[in-house]
Amino acid sequence: MTLFDLNQFESKARAMSGVESELPGNMPLAARMRPRDFAEFVGQEHLVGEGRVLRKCIEADQLPSMIFWGPSGSGKTTLAYVIANVTSSHFSPLTAVSAGVADLRCIVDEAKHRLKLSGQRTIMFIDEIHRFNKIQQDAILPFVENGVVILIGATTENPSFEVISALLSRCRVFTLSPLTDEEVLFVVERAMKDEERGLGKLKVELAEDALRHLVVASDGDARVALNALEMATQATSPQDDGHRRLSLTTIEEALQHRALLYDKGGDQHYDLISALHKSLRGSDPDAALYWLGRMLEAGEDPLYIARRLVRFASEDVGMADPQALVVAVAAQQAVHFVGIPEGNLALAEVATYLATAPKSNSLYNGYSRVQQDIERSRNDPVPLHLRNPATRLMRELGYGKGYKYAHDYPGHFVEQQNLPDSLQGERYYFPSDQGYEKEVKARLKAWWGNDREKKG
């Protein structure tokens, strides 16, 4: 890299980090209002509040390599820029969307040179680090390990899945939460009052219902709130007194549609299906319908949901209501037959049925015990009396000898050995007292006596 290229690169990095005070007026409001220090930073008190370890490390300019993980608009990039302004380390930002290995090497070479000449450390900030593939992440690893650069990565995806384990083990992961409504409200009101970088000179006013809708509809994303506020302001002409009064209708048009926070291949996919599953298990039909709606309205594959409901019918309802499996499979067929959106009601019906059905995991636990025994015990042969004597040789070898045909006995039941010798007396299925399973329990007790009761 030539001296000219190096100077040009450092100038660009300083501009991106917010070190330069002059901001172009045509920058989006969210970019202009980006906090410059902790006094302006909003949210994440659990990480950067007064006295917190991370804040102390930042203010002491003693940073470990770290990864900020959190939803959009929670302040990951902003926090990195605050670090750039607070510390004396050089700040080299790039985005994984457009950067490659050559860009990484360029920053590393520059960092080595800087460290040798002046002893100044370099922070390499990689936005959307989850977009780097394994080779690109491997390229960073040795320089993070030997301290040539301090890595700060930002990601909306779970680092456990998207960052290679070797790199992850050398970084501290800090989880950022969505901003609360109160925090988003503070950000919005500050932008409306700020005459230097915000909308203060435009004398913006929001009707109470418009402000409430803007805050709630942003879903904890400050960027969404500020961008919508700016668009609504630009679309509103000043009145005779010079004030721009934004109505609920204007805010709704600026937001257009409340974008549901959902990624069919990421954490939201698993978090929401987990919430649906646990709401069903908790016998809460209202919560079950809500989480089901969140997934369907965000565009989740309805057949995926149907498959999960079929699984739930066996795993968590089981023999307490055998009809649950029938209803779940019928819903899957209905969705496949009529499609969406009509099929949504079939899924809503089965979700409500499962939530209100009696629950039992006896079947699930029973099969789990079977799996354990199969794994740890011998694969003993089938007892001779249970084998089918299909040929003369088989009959001569004793196949089927001594087998008791249940229909020849009173009540169509007869006690006999049905498990291998090594597992004789083992019990796997212990019915509960819930729903239909209570009848099953009584029936088994009548046939087998107290031998079917679960031991300690």
Protein backbone atom coordinates (compact mmCIF):
# COMPACT_ATOMS: atom_id res chain seq x y z
CA MET A 1 0.00 0.00 0.00
CA THR A 2 1.43 3.40 -0.95
CA LEU A 3 1.56 6.36 1.42
CA PHE A 4 -1.16 8.04 -0.66
CA ASP A 5 -3.39 4.94 -0.41
CA LEU A 6 -2.75 4.65 3.31
CA ASN A 7 -3.68 8.28 3.97
CA GLN A 8 -6.77 7.93 1.82
CA PHE A 9 -7.79 4.78 3.64
CA GLU A 10 -7.28 6.31 7.10
CA SER A 11 -9.27 9.39 6.08
CA LYS A 12 -12.13 7.20 4.97
CA ALA A 13 -11.97 5.18 8.20
CA ARG A 14 -12.09 8.33 10.32
CA ALA A 15 -15.09 9.58 8.39
CA MET A 16 -16.91 6.30 8.84
CA SER A 17 -16.14 6.14 12.55
CA GLY A 18 -17.70 9.49 13.25
CA VAL A 19 -14.42 11.11 14.31
CA GLU A 20 -14.98 13.86 11.81
CA SER A 21 -17.58 16.23 13.16
CA GLU A 22 -19.04 17.47 9.90
CA LEU A 23 -21.85 15.31 8.65
CA PRO A 24 -23.42 15.77 5.22
CA GLY A 25 -26.92 17.14 5.44
CA ASN A 26 -28.22 14.55 3.02
CA MET A 27 -27.29 11.65 5.30
CA PRO A 28 -30.29 9.76 6.71
CA LEU A 29 -31.51 11.00 10.06
CA ALA A 30 -30.52 7.72 11.74
CA ALA A 31 -26.92 8.20 10.57
CA ARG A 32 -26.80 11.87 11.58
CA MET A 33 -28.15 11.07 15.05
CA ARG A 34 -25.70 8.24 15.68
CA PRO A 35 -24.40 8.70 19.25
CA ARG A 36 -20.81 9.92 19.54
CA ASP A 37 -20.16 8.94 23.16
CA PHE A 38 -21.73 7.15 26.10
CA ALA A 39 -23.62 10.30 27.13
CA GLU A 40 -25.65 10.01 23.91
CA PHE A 41 -25.85 6.21 23.77
CA VAL A 42 -29.29 4.80 24.60
CA GLY A 43 -30.03 1.30 25.87
CA GLN A 44 -27.92 -1.77 26.73
CA GLU A 45 -27.45 -0.68 30.34
CA HIS A 46 -26.52 -4.27 31.21
CA LEU A 47 -23.39 -3.85 29.05
CA VAL A 48 -22.36 -0.20 29.07
CA GLY A 49 -24.10 1.29 32.08
CA GLU A 50 -22.00 3.11 34.67
CA GLY A 51 -19.69 0.65 36.41
CA ARG A 52 -20.21 -2.21 33.96
CA VAL A 53 -17.12 -4.19 33.02
CA LEU A 54 -17.39 -3.59 29.27
CA ARG A 55 -17.70 0.16 29.73
CA LYS A 56 -14.70 0.20 32.07
CA CYS A 57 -12.64 -1.71 29.50
CA ILE A 58 -13.66 0.73 26.76
CA GLU A 59 -12.90 3.82 28.80
CA ALA A 60 -9.55 2.34 29.87
CA ASP A 61 -8.76 1.52 26.23
CA GLN A 62 -8.16 -2.11 27.21
CA LEU A 63 -10.38 -3.99 24.84
CA PRO A 64 -10.61 -7.71 24.20
CA SER A 65 -11.75 -8.99 20.83
CA MET A 66 -15.53 -9.27 20.93
CA ILE A 67 -18.70 -9.87 19.00
CA PHE A 68 -21.89 -7.86 19.41
CA TRP A 69 -24.95 -10.02 18.81
CA GLY A 70 -28.41 -8.50 18.67
CA PRO A 71 -31.36 -7.54 16.47
CA SER A 72 -31.32 -4.71 13.94
CA GLY A 73 -31.42 -1.23 15.41
CA SER A 74 -30.26 -2.31 18.87
CA GLY A 75 -27.01 -0.34 18.65
CA LYS A 76 -24.30 -2.82 17.62
CA THR A 77 -22.67 -0.61 14.99
CA THR A 78 -23.31 2.51 17.04
CA LEU A 79 -21.53 1.01 20.04
CA ALA A 80 -18.56 0.18 17.81
CA TYR A 81 -18.43 3.81 16.64
CA VAL A 82 -18.66 5.05 20.23
CA ILE A 83 -15.66 2.85 21.01
CA ALA A 84 -13.86 4.43 18.04
CA ASN A 85 -14.43 7.89 19.47
CA VAL A 86 -13.66 7.03 23.10
CA THR A 87 -10.50 4.97 22.70
CA SER A 88 -7.11 5.94 21.33
CA SER A 89 -6.93 2.83 19.17
CA HIS A 90 -7.10 3.26 15.41
CA PHE A 91 -10.49 2.26 14.01
CA SER A 92 -10.68 0.33 10.73
CA PRO A 93 -14.27 -0.46 9.76
CA LEU A 94 -15.52 -2.65 6.96
CA THR A 95 -18.64 -4.62 6.11
CA ALA A 96 -18.65 -8.32 5.35
CA VAL A 97 -21.19 -7.69 2.58
CA SER A 98 -18.57 -6.21 0.27
CA ALA A 99 -15.17 -6.89 1.85
CA GLY A 100 -12.90 -9.80 0.99
CA VAL A 101 -9.69 -11.43 2.16
CA ALA A 102 -7.64 -8.77 0.33
CA ASP A 103 -9.32 -6.03 2.40
CA LEU A 104 -8.57 -7.92 5.60
CA ARG A 105 -4.91 -8.31 4.68
CA CYS A 106 -4.70 -4.62 3.85
CA ILE A 107 -5.96 -3.68 7.32
CA VAL A 108 -3.67 -6.23 8.99
CA ASP A 109 -0.59 -4.95 7.13
CA GLU A 110 -1.49 -1.42 8.09
CA ALA A 111 -2.05 -2.48 11.72
CA LYS A 112 1.37 -4.16 11.87
CA HIS A 113 3.01 -1.05 10.47
CA ARG A 114 1.17 1.24 12.90
CA LEU A 115 1.95 -0.95 15.89
CA LYS A 116 5.64 -1.02 14.99
CA LEU A 117 5.98 2.73 14.38
CA SER A 118 3.86 4.23 17.12
CA GLY A 119 2.63 1.37 19.30
CA GLN A 120 -0.98 2.29 18.48
CA ARG A 121 -3.36 -0.65 18.42
CA THR A 122 -5.94 -1.19 15.69
CA ILE A 123 -9.59 -2.09 16.10
CA MET A 124 -10.91 -4.01 13.11
CA PHE A 125 -14.67 -3.60 13.06
CA ILE A 126 -16.53 -6.05 10.82
CA ASP A 127 -20.21 -5.33 10.37
CA GLU A 128 -22.39 -8.35 9.57
CA ILE A 129 -19.53 -10.71 10.29
CA HIS A 130 -21.85 -13.70 9.82
CA ARG A 131 -21.66 -13.05 6.07
CA PHE A 132 -17.97 -13.99 6.01
CA ASN A 133 -17.41 -17.60 4.96
CA LYS A 134 -15.08 -20.00 6.78
CA ILE A 135 -12.04 -19.09 4.67
CA GLN A 136 -12.51 -15.38 5.33
CA GLN A 137 -12.96 -15.97 9.05
CA ASP A 138 -9.89 -18.22 9.10
CA ALA A 139 -7.91 -15.36 7.55
CA ILE A 140 -8.64 -13.16 10.59
CA LEU A 141 -7.87 -15.80 13.20
CA PRO A 142 -4.06 -15.62 13.55
CA PHE A 143 -4.03 -11.82 13.81
CA VAL A 144 -6.73 -11.80 16.48
CA GLU A 145 -4.81 -14.49 18.35
CA ASN A 146 -1.46 -12.68 18.31
CA GLY A 147 -2.97 -9.27 19.06
CA VAL A 148 -2.14 -7.53 15.80
CA VAL A 149 -5.77 -6.39 15.66
CA ILE A 150 -8.62 -6.18 18.13
CA LEU A 151 -11.68 -7.64 16.44
CA ILE A 152 -15.14 -6.21 16.98
CA GLY A 153 -17.77 -8.09 14.99
CA ALA A 154 -21.45 -7.23 14.72
CA THR A 155 -24.10 -9.77 13.79
CA THR A 156 -27.84 -10.34 13.91
CA GLU A 157 -27.30 -14.10 13.68
CA ASN A 158 -26.40 -16.52 16.47
CA PRO A 159 -22.57 -16.54 16.61
CA SER A 160 -22.64 -20.16 17.75
CA PHE A 161 -23.80 -21.12 14.27
CA GLU A 162 -22.33 -18.37 12.09
CA VAL A 163 -18.83 -17.78 13.52
CA ILE A 164 -16.20 -20.52 13.39
CA SER A 165 -15.46 -22.03 16.80
CA ALA A 166 -11.74 -21.13 16.74
CA LEU A 167 -12.54 -17.44 16.24
CA LEU A 168 -15.45 -17.52 18.65
CA SER A 169 -13.27 -18.96 21.42
CA ARG A 170 -10.96 -15.93 21.13
CA CYS A 171 -13.77 -13.38 21.42
CA ARG A 172 -16.18 -12.32 24.11
CA VAL A 173 -19.79 -12.39 22.93
CA PHE A 174 -22.00 -9.56 24.18
CA THR A 175 -25.74 -9.87 23.58
CA LEU A 176 -27.67 -6.69 22.85
CA SER A 177 -31.42 -6.50 23.47
CA PRO A 178 -34.03 -4.68 21.39
CA LEU A 179 -34.62 -1.17 22.67
CA THR A 180 -37.62 -0.75 24.94
CA ASP A 181 -40.51 1.47 23.86
CA GLU A 182 -39.32 4.05 26.38
CA GLU A 183 -35.83 4.05 24.88
CA VAL A 184 -37.15 4.35 21.32
CA LEU A 185 -39.37 7.24 22.50
CA PHE A 186 -36.32 8.99 23.97
CA VAL A 187 -34.39 8.58 20.69
CA VAL A 188 -37.30 9.94 18.66
CA GLU A 189 -37.90 12.95 20.90
CA ARG A 190 -34.19 13.77 20.96
CA ALA A 191 -34.07 13.73 17.16
CA MET A 192 -37.08 16.06 17.02
CA LYS A 193 -35.38 18.58 19.33
CA ASP A 194 -31.80 18.42 18.05
CA GLU A 195 -31.17 21.47 15.84
CA GLU A 196 -27.62 20.49 14.87
CA ARG A 197 -28.11 16.96 13.52
CA GLY A 198 -31.81 16.31 13.96
CA LEU A 199 -35.10 17.90 12.97
CA GLY A 200 -35.17 20.69 15.56
CA LYS A 201 -35.04 23.49 13.02
CA LEU A 202 -38.08 22.03 11.22
CA LYS A 203 -40.24 22.33 14.37
CA VAL A 204 -41.71 18.86 14.11
CA GLU A 205 -44.66 17.90 16.28
CA LEU A 206 -46.33 14.50 16.53
CA ALA A 207 -49.88 13.83 17.60
CA GLU A 208 -49.96 11.57 20.65
CA ASP A 209 -51.45 8.62 18.77
CA ALA A 210 -48.93 9.08 15.94
CA LEU A 211 -46.00 9.08 18.35
CA ARG A 212 -47.31 5.98 20.12
CA HIS A 213 -47.77 4.14 16.82
CA LEU A 214 -44.30 5.13 15.62
CA VAL A 215 -42.69 3.79 18.80
CA VAL A 216 -44.64 0.55 18.98
CA ALA A 217 -44.44 -0.25 15.26
CA SER A 218 -40.65 0.14 15.24
CA ASP A 219 -40.36 -3.06 17.33
CA GLY A 220 -37.39 -1.81 19.32
CA ASP A 221 -35.47 -0.73 16.20
CA ALA A 222 -34.32 2.88 16.57
CA ARG A 223 -33.27 3.04 12.91
CA VAL A 224 -36.78 2.14 11.73
CA ALA A 225 -38.31 4.79 13.98
CA LEU A 226 -35.94 7.55 12.85
CA ASN A 227 -36.20 6.75 9.16
CA ALA A 228 -40.00 6.72 9.32
CA LEU A 229 -39.99 9.98 11.28
CA GLU A 230 -37.77 11.63 8.68
CA MET A 231 -39.91 10.45 5.77
CA ALA A 232 -43.10 11.63 7.45
CA THR A 233 -41.47 15.00 8.15
CA GLN A 234 -40.36 15.43 4.54
CA ALA A 235 -43.89 14.61 3.39
CA THR A 236 -45.48 17.20 5.70
CA SER A 237 -45.55 20.87 4.75
CA PRO A 238 -45.07 23.52 7.47
CA GLN A 239 -48.18 25.35 8.60
CA ASP A 240 -48.54 29.11 8.92
CA ASP A 241 -46.71 29.14 12.26
CA GLY A 242 -43.79 27.20 10.76
CA HIS A 243 -44.54 23.96 12.62
CA ARG A 244 -44.84 20.58 10.89
CA ARG A 245 -47.58 18.60 12.60
CA LEU A 246 -47.43 14.88 11.81
CA SER A 247 -50.65 12.92 12.02
CA LEU A 248 -51.21 9.21 12.65
CA THR A 249 -52.10 8.74 8.99
CA THR A 250 -48.79 10.25 7.89
CA ILE A 251 -46.81 8.00 10.24
CA GLU A 252 -48.73 4.94 9.07
CA GLU A 253 -47.97 5.79 5.45
CA ALA A 254 -44.29 6.32 6.27
CA LEU A 255 -44.09 2.96 7.98
CA GLN A 256 -46.24 1.33 5.28
CA HIS A 257 -46.27 -2.06 6.92
CA ARG A 258 -45.16 -3.22 10.28
CA ALA A 259 -42.32 -5.49 9.23
CA LEU A 260 -42.44 -8.63 11.35
CA LEU A 261 -39.08 -9.50 12.89
CA TYR A 262 -38.56 -12.93 11.43
CA ASP A 263 -35.90 -14.89 9.61
CA LYS A 264 -37.00 -18.27 8.34
CA GLY A 265 -33.44 -19.55 8.48
CA GLY A 266 -32.27 -17.86 11.66
CA ASP A 267 -32.94 -17.48 15.37
CA GLN A 268 -36.43 -16.04 14.94
CA HIS A 269 -37.50 -19.21 13.15
CA TYR A 270 -36.42 -21.37 16.09
CA ASP A 271 -37.46 -18.94 18.80
CA LEU A 272 -41.03 -18.63 17.52
CA ILE A 273 -41.58 -22.34 16.94
CA SER A 274 -40.23 -22.92 20.45
CA ALA A 275 -42.67 -20.35 21.82
CA LEU A 276 -45.54 -22.06 19.95
CA HIS A 277 -44.53 -25.49 21.21
CA LYS A 278 -44.21 -24.35 24.83
CA SER A 279 -47.50 -22.44 24.71
CA LEU A 280 -49.25 -25.58 23.48
CA ARG A 281 -47.62 -27.61 26.24
CA GLY A 282 -48.70 -24.94 28.72
CA SER A 283 -52.33 -25.34 27.60
CA ASP A 284 -52.57 -21.67 26.60
CA PRO A 285 -54.67 -21.43 23.40
CA ASP A 286 -54.37 -17.63 23.23
CA ALA A 287 -50.57 -17.66 23.24
CA ALA A 288 -50.54 -20.61 20.85
CA LEU A 289 -52.72 -18.73 18.34
CA TYR A 290 -50.55 -15.62 18.69
CA TRP A 291 -47.24 -17.39 17.98
CA LEU A 292 -48.85 -19.36 15.18
CA GLY A 293 -50.07 -16.09 13.65
CA ARG A 294 -46.64 -14.48 14.02
CA MET A 295 -45.09 -17.28 11.99
CA LEU A 296 -47.78 -17.51 9.33
CA GLU A 297 -48.08 -13.76 8.76
CA ALA A 298 -44.29 -13.51 8.44
CA GLY A 299 -44.31 -16.07 5.64
CA GLU A 300 -43.27 -19.30 7.37
CA ASP A 301 -43.86 -22.51 5.43
CA PRO A 302 -47.27 -23.72 6.71
CA LEU A 303 -46.32 -27.36 6.12
CA TYR A 304 -43.34 -26.92 8.42
CA ILE A 305 -45.72 -25.72 11.16
CA ALA A 306 -48.07 -28.62 10.39
CA ARG A 307 -45.23 -31.11 10.82
CA ARG A 308 -44.35 -29.61 14.19
CA LEU A 309 -47.98 -29.81 15.31
CA VAL A 310 -48.13 -33.48 14.29
CA ARG A 311 -45.01 -34.10 16.35
CA PHE A 312 -46.53 -32.28 19.33
CA ALA A 313 -49.68 -34.40 19.10
CA SER A 314 -47.63 -37.53 19.78
CA GLU A 315 -44.97 -36.07 22.03
CA ASP A 316 -46.99 -33.93 24.46
CA VAL A 317 -50.59 -35.12 24.13
CA GLY A 318 -49.98 -38.74 23.21
CA MET A 319 -52.36 -41.31 24.62
CA ALA A 320 -54.09 -38.75 26.82
CA ASP A 321 -56.07 -37.95 23.65
CA PRO A 322 -55.21 -40.22 20.69
CA GLN A 323 -57.60 -38.14 18.57
CA ALA A 324 -55.05 -35.28 18.68
CA LEU A 325 -52.82 -37.03 16.15
CA VAL A 326 -55.80 -37.56 13.85
CA VAL A 327 -56.72 -33.87 14.03
CA ALA A 328 -53.11 -32.79 13.44
CA VAL A 329 -52.67 -35.00 10.38
CA ALA A 330 -56.05 -33.82 9.06
CA ALA A 331 -54.85 -30.21 9.36
CA GLN A 332 -51.69 -31.08 7.43
CA GLN A 333 -53.81 -32.60 4.68
CA ALA A 334 -56.13 -29.58 4.67
CA VAL A 335 -53.22 -27.16 4.27
CA HIS A 336 -51.81 -29.28 1.47
CA PHE A 337 -55.21 -29.47 -0.22
CA VAL A 338 -56.56 -25.90 0.02
CA GLY A 339 -53.29 -23.97 0.43
CA ILE A 340 -52.77 -20.60 2.08
CA PRO A 341 -54.39 -18.40 3.35
CA GLU A 342 -57.42 -20.71 3.67
CA GLY A 343 -55.29 -23.37 5.34
CA ASN A 344 -54.35 -21.00 8.14
CA LEU A 345 -57.65 -21.73 9.86
CA ALA A 346 -56.96 -25.46 9.81
CA LEU A 347 -53.67 -24.83 11.58
CA ALA A 348 -55.41 -22.49 14.01
CA GLU A 349 -57.97 -25.22 14.72
CA VAL A 350 -55.40 -27.89 15.47
CA ALA A 351 -53.31 -25.48 17.56
CA THR A 352 -56.36 -24.69 19.67
CA TYR A 353 -57.25 -28.40 19.91
CA LEU A 354 -53.75 -29.33 21.05
CA ALA A 355 -53.55 -26.47 23.56
CA THR A 356 -56.84 -27.49 25.16
CA ALA A 357 -56.25 -31.26 25.04
CA PRO A 358 -55.15 -33.22 28.12
CA LYS A 359 -51.37 -33.62 28.17
CA SER A 360 -49.17 -36.65 28.69
CA ASN A 361 -45.57 -37.36 27.74
CA SER A 362 -45.79 -41.01 28.85
CA LEU A 363 -45.55 -42.20 25.26
CA TYR A 364 -42.51 -39.99 24.62
CA ASN A 365 -40.79 -41.17 27.80
CA GLY A 366 -41.64 -44.79 27.04
CA TYR A 367 -40.05 -44.69 23.61
CA SER A 368 -37.01 -42.88 25.05
CA ARG A 369 -36.52 -45.78 27.49
CA VAL A 370 -36.77 -48.21 24.60
CA GLN A 371 -34.08 -46.30 22.71
CA GLN A 372 -31.78 -46.39 25.73
CA ASP A 373 -32.23 -50.13 26.23
CA ILE A 374 -31.65 -50.84 22.55
CA GLU A 375 -28.42 -48.84 22.68
CA ARG A 376 -26.99 -50.37 25.85
CA SER A 377 -28.32 -53.94 25.81
CA ARG A 378 -27.72 -56.94 23.59
CA ASN A 379 -29.81 -57.37 20.45
CA ASP A 380 -31.26 -60.64 21.72
CA PRO A 381 -33.16 -62.86 19.30
CA VAL A 382 -36.95 -62.97 19.30
CA PRO A 383 -38.22 -65.69 21.70
CA LEU A 384 -39.07 -68.86 19.77
CA HIS A 385 -42.73 -68.88 20.75
CA LEU A 386 -43.19 -65.42 19.16
CA ARG A 387 -41.67 -66.43 15.83
CA ASN A 388 -43.82 -67.30 12.86
CA PRO A 389 -43.41 -71.00 11.89
CA ALA A 390 -43.67 -70.40 8.17
CA THR A 391 -41.88 -73.61 7.11
CA ARG A 392 -41.54 -77.19 8.29
CA LEU A 393 -37.94 -76.61 9.33
CA MET A 394 -39.00 -73.65 11.44
CA ARG A 395 -41.64 -75.74 13.18
CA GLU A 396 -39.08 -78.45 13.85
CA LEU A 397 -36.76 -75.83 15.37
CA GLY A 398 -39.52 -74.78 17.77
CA TYR A 399 -40.77 -71.64 16.08
CA GLY A 400 -44.19 -70.73 17.49
CA LYS A 401 -44.12 -73.57 20.04
CA GLY A 402 -46.03 -72.66 23.18
CA TYR A 403 -47.49 -69.46 21.79
CA LYS A 404 -50.80 -68.54 23.44
CA TYR A 405 -53.39 -67.09 21.04
CA ALA A 406 -55.01 -64.24 23.01
CA HIS A 407 -58.42 -64.59 21.36
CA ASP A 408 -58.75 -68.11 22.75
CA TYR A 409 -58.77 -66.79 26.32
CA PRO A 410 -61.42 -64.95 28.40
CA GLY A 411 -61.37 -61.22 27.76
CA HIS A 412 -59.10 -61.86 24.77
CA PHE A 413 -56.05 -61.61 27.04
CA VAL A 414 -53.47 -64.05 28.32
CA GLU A 415 -50.24 -63.35 30.16
CA GLN A 416 -47.10 -64.58 28.44
CA GLN A 417 -43.51 -63.49 27.79
CA ASN A 418 -43.27 -60.97 24.94
CA LEU A 419 -39.79 -59.53 25.52
CA PRO A 420 -36.36 -61.17 25.11
CA ASP A 421 -35.10 -63.11 28.14
CA SER A 422 -32.60 -60.40 29.08
CA LEU A 423 -35.35 -57.76 29.21
CA GLN A 424 -38.08 -59.85 30.81
CA GLY A 425 -39.91 -57.74 33.37
CA GLU A 426 -38.79 -54.39 31.88
CA ARG A 427 -41.50 -51.72 31.69
CA TYR A 428 -41.38 -48.77 29.32
CA TYR A 429 -44.87 -47.31 29.10
CA PHE A 430 -46.39 -45.91 32.28
CA PRO A 431 -49.71 -44.21 31.48
CA SER A 432 -50.66 -41.08 33.35
CA ASP A 433 -54.00 -40.18 34.90
CA GLN A 434 -54.76 -37.66 32.13
CA GLY A 435 -57.69 -37.95 29.71
CA TYR A 436 -58.07 -41.21 27.81
CA GLU A 437 -54.82 -42.48 29.30
CA LYS A 438 -56.58 -42.92 32.62
CA GLU A 439 -58.72 -45.60 30.98
CA VAL A 440 -55.63 -47.20 29.44
CA LYS A 441 -53.98 -47.31 32.86
CA ALA A 442 -56.98 -49.07 34.40
CA ARG A 443 -57.12 -51.56 31.53
CA LEU A 444 -53.44 -52.47 31.83
CA LYS A 445 -53.80 -52.89 35.57
CA ALA A 446 -56.74 -55.25 35.06
CA TRP A 447 -54.66 -57.36 32.66
CA TRP A 448 -51.25 -57.26 34.29
CA GLY A 449 -51.99 -56.27 37.87
CA ASN A 450 -49.77 -53.87 39.77
CA ASP A 451 -46.78 -55.10 37.77
CA ARG A 452 -47.46 -52.21 35.38
CA GLU A 453 -47.05 -49.53 38.07
CA LYS A 454 -43.95 -47.38 37.69
CA LYS A 455 -41.25 -48.28 40.20
CA GLY A 456 -39.56 -45.43 42.18
